[in-house]
Protein backbone atom coordinates (compact mmCIF):
# COMPACT_ATOMS: atom_id res chain seq x y z
CA MET A 1 7.03 42.99 -1.91
CA LYS A 2 5.39 42.75 -5.09
CA MET A 3 7.00 40.16 -6.03
CA ILE A 4 7.28 38.22 -2.74
CA GLY A 5 2.81 38.16 -3.75
CA TRP A 6 3.84 36.38 -7.50
CA ILE A 7 6.78 33.95 -5.60
CA ALA A 8 3.91 32.91 -3.16
CA LEU A 9 1.65 32.28 -5.82
CA ALA A 10 3.43 30.56 -8.26
CA ILE A 11 4.76 27.82 -5.34
CA THR A 12 0.90 28.29 -4.35
CA ILE A 13 0.06 26.62 -7.89
CA ALA A 14 3.42 24.42 -8.30
CA ILE A 15 1.77 22.93 -4.66
CA LEU A 16 -1.48 22.54 -6.18
CA ALA A 17 -0.44 21.56 -9.74
CA ALA A 18 2.12 18.06 -7.49
CA ILE A 19 -1.49 16.95 -5.87
CA ALA A 20 -3.41 17.35 -8.88
CA TRP A 21 -0.63 14.60 -10.61
CA ARG A 22 -0.97 12.73 -8.19
CA VAL A 23 -3.91 11.95 -7.91
CA ASP A 24 -5.35 8.84 -9.96
CA ASP A 25 -8.72 8.20 -8.74
CA TRP A 26 -10.69 12.05 -8.99
CA SER A 27 -14.44 10.28 -8.15
CA ARG A 28 -11.83 7.87 -5.02
CA ASP A 29 -8.99 9.97 -3.58
CA TRP A 30 -10.74 12.25 -2.01
CA THR A 31 -13.72 10.82 -0.69
CA GLN A 32 -11.94 7.26 1.26
CA ASN A 33 -9.43 7.28 2.81
CA SER A 34 -8.49 2.85 2.35
CA ALA A 35 -8.26 0.52 -0.21
CA ARG A 36 -7.83 -2.66 -0.29
CA LEU A 37 -6.40 -5.60 -2.81
CA SER A 38 -10.16 -6.87 -5.24
CA PRO A 39 -10.12 -10.01 -7.42
CA GLU A 40 -12.79 -7.43 -9.50
CA SER A 41 -9.50 -4.96 -9.74
CA ASP A 42 -9.20 -3.47 -13.31
CA ASN A 43 -5.86 -3.14 -12.26
CA ARG A 44 -3.75 -6.77 -11.86
CA LEU A 45 -2.07 -5.35 -8.59
CA LEU A 46 -4.28 -4.81 -6.79
CA GLN A 47 -5.67 -7.83 -6.73
CA PRO A 48 -5.03 -10.39 -4.35
CA LEU A 49 -2.10 -12.14 -5.40
CA GLN A 50 -1.81 -15.75 -5.78
CA MET A 51 1.37 -17.43 -4.80
CA GLY A 52 3.07 -21.52 -5.92
CA VAL A 53 4.46 -21.18 -2.25
CA SER A 54 4.25 -21.77 1.58
CA VAL A 55 2.57 -19.83 3.75
CA ASP A 56 5.97 -19.73 5.94
CA GLU A 57 7.69 -18.37 2.47
CA ALA A 58 5.72 -15.90 1.44
CA ASP A 59 5.81 -14.02 5.09
CA ARG A 60 9.48 -14.20 4.51
CA ARG A 61 9.24 -12.75 0.88
CA ILE A 62 7.16 -9.85 2.82
CA ARG A 63 9.42 -9.81 5.65
CA ASP A 64 11.85 -9.36 3.66
CA TRP A 65 10.43 -6.76 1.62
CA VAL A 66 10.09 -4.70 4.15
CA ASP A 67 13.26 -4.47 5.75
CA SER A 68 15.04 -3.61 2.40
CA GLN A 69 12.53 -0.21 2.64
CA THR A 70 13.01 2.37 4.40
CA ASN A 71 8.73 4.11 5.18
CA TRP A 72 8.18 0.25 5.70
CA ASN A 73 7.93 -1.23 9.14
CA VAL A 74 6.70 -4.78 10.50
CA GLU A 75 4.39 -3.84 14.22
CA SER A 76 3.01 -7.88 14.41
CA VAL A 77 2.27 -11.01 13.05
CA HIS A 78 -0.23 -13.19 14.23
CA ASN A 79 -1.22 -17.19 13.50
CA ASP A 80 -4.28 -19.13 13.29
CA ASP A 81 -3.83 -22.82 11.87
CA SER A 82 -1.70 -22.31 9.01
CA ASN A 83 -3.60 -18.56 8.18
CA ARG A 84 -0.96 -15.74 8.87
CA THR A 85 -2.40 -12.20 9.23
CA MET A 86 -0.13 -8.91 9.92
CA HIS A 87 0.13 -5.25 10.53
CA LEU A 88 2.34 -3.44 7.84
CA THR A 89 3.30 0.46 8.84
CA ARG A 90 4.98 2.82 5.84
CA THR A 91 4.68 6.29 6.13
CA THR A 92 5.41 8.82 3.66
CA PRO A 93 8.47 10.86 3.30
CA LEU A 94 7.06 13.77 3.30
CA PHE A 95 4.29 14.82 6.75
CA ARG A 96 5.09 11.00 8.63
CA PHE A 97 1.50 10.48 7.97
CA VAL A 98 1.11 6.94 8.93
CA ASP A 99 -1.32 4.09 6.69
CA ASP A 100 -1.71 1.08 8.31
CA VAL A 101 -1.67 -2.18 6.02
CA HIS A 102 -3.27 -5.58 7.19
CA VAL A 103 -2.10 -8.27 5.21
CA SER A 104 -3.55 -12.04 5.23
CA ILE A 105 -1.88 -14.82 3.48
CA VAL A 106 -4.78 -18.12 3.57
CA PRO A 107 -3.18 -20.98 1.88
CA ASP A 108 -4.87 -22.18 -1.58
CA PRO A 109 -6.53 -25.15 -1.34
CA ASP A 110 -7.13 -25.40 -5.17
CA GLN A 111 -2.69 -25.16 -5.97
CA SER A 112 -0.18 -25.32 -4.42
CA GLY A 113 0.39 -22.39 -2.95
CA CYS A 114 -1.13 -19.26 -1.34
CA ARG A 115 -3.48 -15.67 -1.65
CA ILE A 116 -2.01 -12.70 -0.14
CA ASP A 117 -4.99 -10.49 0.48
CA ALA A 118 -4.28 -7.01 1.73
CA THR A 119 -5.80 -3.76 2.69
CA SER A 120 -4.42 -0.22 3.20
CA GLN A 121 -5.25 2.53 6.06
CA SER A 122 -5.16 5.70 6.56
CA ARG A 123 -4.85 6.51 10.04
CA VAL A 124 -5.57 10.67 9.56
CA GLY A 125 -7.63 12.58 6.94
CA LYS A 126 -10.60 11.97 5.04
CA GLY A 127 -9.36 10.60 1.75
CA ASP A 128 -5.92 10.16 0.77
CA LEU A 129 -5.12 11.11 -2.59
CA GLY A 130 -4.41 7.36 -3.98
CA GLN A 131 -2.40 6.89 -1.55
CA ASN A 132 -4.27 3.70 0.08
CA PRO A 133 -3.70 1.95 -3.65
CA ARG A 134 -0.57 3.31 -4.20
CA ASN A 135 1.00 0.84 -0.92
CA LEU A 136 -0.55 -2.23 -2.35
CA ILE A 137 0.58 -1.71 -5.87
CA GLU A 138 4.11 -0.94 -3.07
CA LEU A 139 3.31 -3.92 -1.28
CA THR A 140 2.45 -6.83 -4.63
CA LYS A 141 5.26 -5.26 -6.28
CA GLY A 142 7.78 -5.87 -3.82
CA VAL A 143 6.65 -9.69 -3.00
CA ALA A 144 5.72 -10.20 -6.68
CA SER A 145 10.19 -9.45 -7.76
CA GLU A 146 11.29 -11.72 -4.40
CA ALA A 147 9.93 -14.60 -6.35
CA PRO A 148 13.37 -17.13 -7.02
């Protein structure tokens, strides 16, 4: 019986260490369950993505990238004049939590191309342990890598 207690303690410590290792920003990750791309972000992967392509081409690249991912889905796409909004979801592998990712693709009049903005919001919980910023980083890295 004593051995089982030590094994349970070791497993608990391992789980807590894994959670602590995933937390990027201790002041944010326990209290917020959403994130957004922002021009003021220190991390360039958390800034809106400027692309030298049309809104249609950016839409295609996002869809192609999402289709290549096992835990991402396109839920809906809406056109409003020349803007496009997309509702994506990302499901965490272990507990199957679903996060809603809303993407906005807008033509950029100052450059030939468009700008991609996005937010990620957990459906459950008060803190996200940094998952929503990681969703946005995964999205921006993936879409940027789709560029020719």
